């Protein structure tokens, strides 16, 4: 199978690396919502919309893409990952409330 429509360019590879770097943090985070958000960000469609590949592999996603271009998709997903990572860092620094569970 030719996977280059999902990981064949620099944009896709950078996003894949960022998602992999976040994976352990998210899976160890005590909030299921964060894991669900991370999984949505890691969906293959997001990577496919960054493809510069044309013809059969890229044509369908290009038609259905809500991004203006692969670089627009990359910029959007990068910004979302920036905010997501910052949110993880901020929430991991929150002090515990000290409230005892009954």
C-alpha atoms as a PDB file:
ATOM      1  CA  UNK A   1       0.000   0.000   0.000  1.00  0.00           C
ATOM      2  CA  UNK A   2       1.253   3.456  -0.875  1.00  0.00           C
ATOM      3  CA  UNK A   3       0.972   5.566   2.295  1.00  0.00           C
ATOM      4  CA  UNK A   4       2.672   8.629   0.830  1.00  0.00           C
ATOM      5  CA  UNK A   5      -0.643  10.503   0.692  1.00  0.00           C
ATOM      6  CA  UNK A   6      -0.568  10.431   4.533  1.00  0.00           C
ATOM      7  CA  UNK A   7       3.141  10.742   5.323  1.00  0.00           C
ATOM      8  CA  UNK A   8       4.859  11.721   2.095  1.00  0.00           C
ATOM      9  CA  UNK A   9       5.794  15.326   2.773  1.00  0.00           C
ATOM     10  CA  UNK A  10       7.458  17.473   5.405  1.00  0.00           C
ATOM     11  CA  UNK A  11       4.176  18.877   6.753  1.00  0.00           C
ATOM     12  CA  UNK A  12       2.729  15.443   7.395  1.00  0.00           C
ATOM     13  CA  UNK A  13       5.922  14.115   8.953  1.00  0.00           C
ATOM     14  CA  UNK A  14       6.138  17.086  11.350  1.00  0.00           C
ATOM     15  CA  UNK A  15       2.541  16.611  12.479  1.00  0.00           C
ATOM     16  CA  UNK A  16       3.050  12.858  12.910  1.00  0.00           C
ATOM     17  CA  UNK A  17       6.128  13.542  15.055  1.00  0.00           C
ATOM     18  CA  UNK A  18       4.248  16.069  17.193  1.00  0.00           C
ATOM     19  CA  UNK A  19       1.344  13.678  17.688  1.00  0.00           C
ATOM     20  CA  UNK A  20       3.724  10.882  18.667  1.00  0.00           C
ATOM     21  CA  UNK A  21       5.505  13.188  21.124  1.00  0.00           C
ATOM     22  CA  UNK A  22       2.155  14.054  22.729  1.00  0.00           C
ATOM     23  CA  UNK A  23       0.898  10.467  22.855  1.00  0.00           C
ATOM     24  CA  UNK A  24       2.523   9.431  26.146  1.00  0.00           C
ATOM     25  CA  UNK A  25       1.598  12.696  27.856  1.00  0.00           C
ATOM     26  CA  UNK A  26      -2.015  12.368  26.792  1.00  0.00           C
ATOM     27  CA  UNK A  27      -2.315   8.685  27.680  1.00  0.00           C
ATOM     28  CA  UNK A  28      -0.924   9.391  31.158  1.00  0.00           C
ATOM     29  CA  UNK A  29      -3.148  12.420  31.657  1.00  0.00           C
ATOM     30  CA  UNK A  30      -6.037  11.746  34.057  1.00  0.00           C
ATOM     31  CA  UNK A  31      -8.676  13.102  31.695  1.00  0.00           C
ATOM     32  CA  UNK A  32     -10.379  10.930  29.089  1.00  0.00           C
ATOM     33  CA  UNK A  33     -11.488  14.015  27.155  1.00  0.00           C
ATOM     34  CA  UNK A  34      -7.851  14.861  26.353  1.00  0.00           C
ATOM     35  CA  UNK A  35      -7.268  11.382  24.959  1.00  0.00           C
ATOM     36  CA  UNK A  36     -10.404  11.645  22.816  1.00  0.00           C
ATOM     37  CA  UNK A  37      -9.271  15.034  21.494  1.00  0.00           C
ATOM     38  CA  UNK A  38      -5.794  13.688  20.712  1.00  0.00           C
ATOM     39  CA  UNK A  39      -7.325  10.769  18.801  1.00  0.00           C
ATOM     40  CA  UNK A  40      -9.425  13.162  16.716  1.00  0.00           C
ATOM     41  CA  UNK A  41      -6.349  15.232  15.907  1.00  0.00           C
ATOM     42  CA  UNK A  42      -4.516  12.065  14.849  1.00  0.00           C
ATOM     43  CA  UNK A  43      -7.226  11.065  12.351  1.00  0.00           C
ATOM     44  CA  UNK A  44      -5.827  10.141   8.984  1.00  0.00           C
ATOM     45  CA  UNK A  45      -8.027  12.671   7.162  1.00  0.00           C
ATOM     46  CA  UNK A  46      -6.119  15.527   8.787  1.00  0.00           C
ATOM     47  CA  UNK A  47      -2.870  14.129   7.435  1.00  0.00           C
ATOM     48  CA  UNK A  48      -4.379  13.378   4.044  1.00  0.00           C
ATOM     49  CA  UNK A  49      -5.560  16.980   3.652  1.00  0.00           C
ATOM     50  CA  UNK A  50      -1.879  18.011   3.866  1.00  0.00           C
ATOM     51  CA  UNK A  51      -0.977  15.895   0.867  1.00  0.00           C
ATOM     52  CA  UNK A  52       0.316  17.489  -2.317  1.00  0.00           C
ATOM     53  CA  UNK A  53      -0.358  14.249  -4.112  1.00  0.00           C
ATOM     54  CA  UNK A  54      -2.840  14.468  -6.934  1.00  0.00           C
ATOM     55  CA  UNK A  55      -4.709  12.103  -9.171  1.00  0.00           C
ATOM     56  CA  UNK A  56      -6.582   9.175  -7.625  1.00  0.00           C
ATOM     57  CA  UNK A  57      -4.984   9.370  -4.171  1.00  0.00           C
ATOM     58  CA  UNK A  58      -5.466  13.076  -3.541  1.00  0.00           C
ATOM     59  CA  UNK A  59      -8.391  14.026  -5.737  1.00  0.00           C
ATOM     60  CA  UNK A  60     -11.196  12.800  -3.512  1.00  0.00           C
ATOM     61  CA  UNK A  61      -9.859  14.406  -0.347  1.00  0.00           C
ATOM     62  CA  UNK A  62      -9.004  17.575  -2.207  1.00  0.00           C
ATOM     63  CA  UNK A  63     -12.650  17.809  -3.291  1.00  0.00           C
ATOM     64  CA  UNK A  64     -13.975  17.257   0.249  1.00  0.00           C
ATOM     65  CA  UNK A  65     -11.296  19.206   2.115  1.00  0.00           C
ATOM     66  CA  UNK A  66     -12.353  22.187   4.179  1.00  0.00           C
ATOM     67  CA  UNK A  67      -8.845  23.619   3.877  1.00  0.00           C
ATOM     68  CA  UNK A  68      -7.738  25.965   1.111  1.00  0.00           C
ATOM     69  CA  UNK A  69      -4.481  24.084   0.573  1.00  0.00           C
ATOM     70  CA  UNK A  70      -2.150  21.554   2.209  1.00  0.00           C
ATOM     71  CA  UNK A  71      -0.181  24.395   3.789  1.00  0.00           C
ATOM     72  CA  UNK A  72      -3.410  25.895   5.204  1.00  0.00           C
ATOM     73  CA  UNK A  73      -4.235  22.502   6.731  1.00  0.00           C
ATOM     74  CA  UNK A  74      -0.733  22.239   8.202  1.00  0.00           C
ATOM     75  CA  UNK A  75      -0.926  25.737   9.714  1.00  0.00           C
ATOM     76  CA  UNK A  76      -4.365  25.051  11.181  1.00  0.00           C
ATOM     77  CA  UNK A  77      -3.446  21.676  12.702  1.00  0.00           C
ATOM     78  CA  UNK A  78      -0.157  23.119  14.009  1.00  0.00           C
ATOM     79  CA  UNK A  79      -2.015  25.944  15.762  1.00  0.00           C
ATOM     80  CA  UNK A  80      -4.499  23.504  17.236  1.00  0.00           C
ATOM     81  CA  UNK A  81      -1.654  21.289  18.489  1.00  0.00           C
ATOM     82  CA  UNK A  82       0.067  24.355  19.993  1.00  0.00           C
ATOM     83  CA  UNK A  83      -3.077  25.215  21.947  1.00  0.00           C
ATOM     84  CA  UNK A  84      -3.723  21.592  22.897  1.00  0.00           C
ATOM     85  CA  UNK A  85      -0.178  21.139  24.205  1.00  0.00           C
ATOM     86  CA  UNK A  86      -0.293  24.434  26.113  1.00  0.00           C
ATOM     87  CA  UNK A  87      -3.594  23.404  27.657  1.00  0.00           C
ATOM     88  CA  UNK A  88      -2.084  20.066  28.737  1.00  0.00           C
ATOM     89  CA  UNK A  89       0.881  21.845  30.314  1.00  0.00           C
ATOM     90  CA  UNK A  90      -1.317  24.359  32.114  1.00  0.00           C
ATOM     91  CA  UNK A  91      -3.652  21.690  33.463  1.00  0.00           C
ATOM     92  CA  UNK A  92      -0.798  19.468  34.616  1.00  0.00           C
ATOM     93  CA  UNK A  93       0.516  22.407  36.699  1.00  0.00           C
ATOM     94  CA  UNK A  94      -2.792  22.945  38.512  1.00  0.00           C
ATOM     95  CA  UNK A  95      -2.527  22.287  42.230  1.00  0.00           C
ATOM     96  CA  UNK A  96      -4.662  19.552  43.705  1.00  0.00           C
ATOM     97  CA  UNK A  97      -7.604  20.815  45.723  1.00  0.00           C
ATOM     98  CA  UNK A  98      -6.813  18.775  48.794  1.00  0.00           C
ATOM     99  CA  UNK A  99     -10.425  17.652  49.027  1.00  0.00           C
ATOM    100  CA  UNK A 100     -10.709  14.149  50.395  1.00  0.00           C
ATOM    101  CA  UNK A 101     -12.851  11.634  48.582  1.00  0.00           C
ATOM    102  CA  UNK A 102     -15.509   9.909  50.644  1.00  0.00           C
END
